[in-house]
Amino acid sequence: MSDVTHSAPPPFEAALVRASEELGFPSYYQSCVRPLLRNPEGRWPRCCGGGCEPCAQTLIQVALRTLELMGTPRKAPLPD
């Protein structure tokens, strides 16, 4: 018998994985989305047009889909 206890993953984890798969978002960038999920109604980054990888717009799309899958869609407006 093992003394190791396994804790359940955070509730958003399955939604983040699913949103990433749906949008073709690489799993190694998921850590970039987590801050947006911790503050879903806060200020989110904007695309700078500089060709960044991953683009802030992509992060926002994945975060929005994750929140939608969790049943907690963002209510604050997104930046222009």
Protein backbone atom coordinates (compact mmCIF):
# COMPACT_ATOMS: atom_id res chain seq x y z
CA MET A 1 0.00 0.00 0.00
CA SER A 2 1.29 3.44 -0.92
CA ASP A 3 1.32 6.47 1.38
CA VAL A 4 1.13 8.81 -1.61
CA THR A 5 -2.15 10.65 -1.84
CA HIS A 6 -3.33 11.99 -5.14
CA SER A 7 -5.17 15.27 -5.12
CA ALA A 8 -7.72 16.06 -7.76
CA PRO A 9 -6.59 18.49 -10.45
CA PRO A 10 -8.04 22.01 -10.32
CA PRO A 11 -11.54 22.16 -11.86
CA PHE A 12 -10.36 24.25 -14.79
CA GLU A 13 -7.66 21.76 -15.83
CA ALA A 14 -9.92 19.45 -17.88
CA ALA A 15 -11.63 22.45 -19.48
CA LEU A 16 -8.26 23.99 -20.37
CA VAL A 17 -7.07 20.73 -21.95
CA ARG A 18 -10.28 20.42 -23.96
CA ALA A 19 -10.23 24.07 -25.09
CA SER A 20 -6.60 23.69 -26.14
CA GLU A 21 -7.38 20.57 -28.16
CA GLU A 22 -10.41 22.19 -29.82
CA LEU A 23 -8.41 25.25 -30.85
CA GLY A 24 -5.20 23.41 -31.80
CA PHE A 25 -3.31 25.16 -28.99
CA PRO A 26 -0.09 23.35 -27.97
CA SER A 27 -0.22 21.94 -24.43
CA TYR A 28 3.20 23.41 -23.60
CA TYR A 29 1.65 26.91 -23.75
CA GLN A 30 -1.21 26.14 -21.34
CA SER A 31 0.72 27.70 -18.46
CA CYS A 32 0.41 31.03 -20.30
CA VAL A 33 -3.40 30.79 -20.12
CA ARG A 34 -3.66 29.95 -16.41
CA PRO A 35 -3.12 33.56 -15.19
CA LEU A 36 -6.10 34.66 -17.28
CA LEU A 37 -8.24 31.97 -15.68
CA ARG A 38 -7.18 33.07 -12.18
CA ASN A 39 -8.42 36.59 -12.94
CA PRO A 40 -11.19 36.09 -15.51
CA GLU A 41 -12.69 39.58 -15.11
CA GLY A 42 -9.39 41.46 -14.89
CA ARG A 43 -7.33 43.17 -17.55
CA TRP A 44 -6.05 40.80 -20.17
CA PRO A 45 -3.16 41.40 -22.59
CA ARG A 46 -3.72 42.71 -26.09
CA CYS A 47 -2.15 41.63 -29.34
CA CYS A 48 0.82 43.86 -30.08
CA GLY A 49 1.00 42.91 -33.76
CA GLY A 50 4.62 41.84 -33.34
CA GLY A 51 4.16 38.20 -34.28
CA CYS A 52 4.66 36.88 -30.74
CA GLU A 53 4.28 33.18 -30.09
CA PRO A 54 1.88 32.55 -28.56
CA CYS A 55 -0.08 35.62 -29.53
CA ALA A 56 -2.10 37.28 -26.76
CA GLN A 57 -5.19 36.93 -28.96
CA THR A 58 -4.69 33.17 -29.06
CA LEU A 59 -4.30 33.05 -25.27
CA ILE A 60 -7.55 35.00 -24.95
CA GLN A 61 -9.39 32.62 -27.30
CA VAL A 62 -8.27 29.60 -25.28
CA ALA A 63 -9.12 31.29 -21.97
CA LEU A 64 -12.57 32.33 -23.21
CA ARG A 65 -13.33 28.80 -24.42
CA THR A 66 -12.06 27.33 -21.14
CA LEU A 67 -14.32 29.63 -19.12
CA GLU A 68 -17.23 28.79 -21.42
CA LEU A 69 -16.65 25.04 -20.92
CA MET A 70 -16.59 25.59 -17.16
CA GLY A 71 -19.93 27.40 -17.34
CA THR A 72 -18.39 30.67 -16.14
CA PRO A 73 -18.03 32.88 -19.24
CA ARG A 74 -16.20 36.17 -18.93
CA LYS A 75 -18.52 39.09 -18.18
CA ALA A 76 -16.04 41.98 -18.39
CA PRO A 77 -15.51 43.43 -21.84
CA LEU A 78 -12.33 42.52 -23.64
CA PRO A 79 -9.91 45.32 -24.49
CA ASP A 80 -10.25 46.87 -27.94
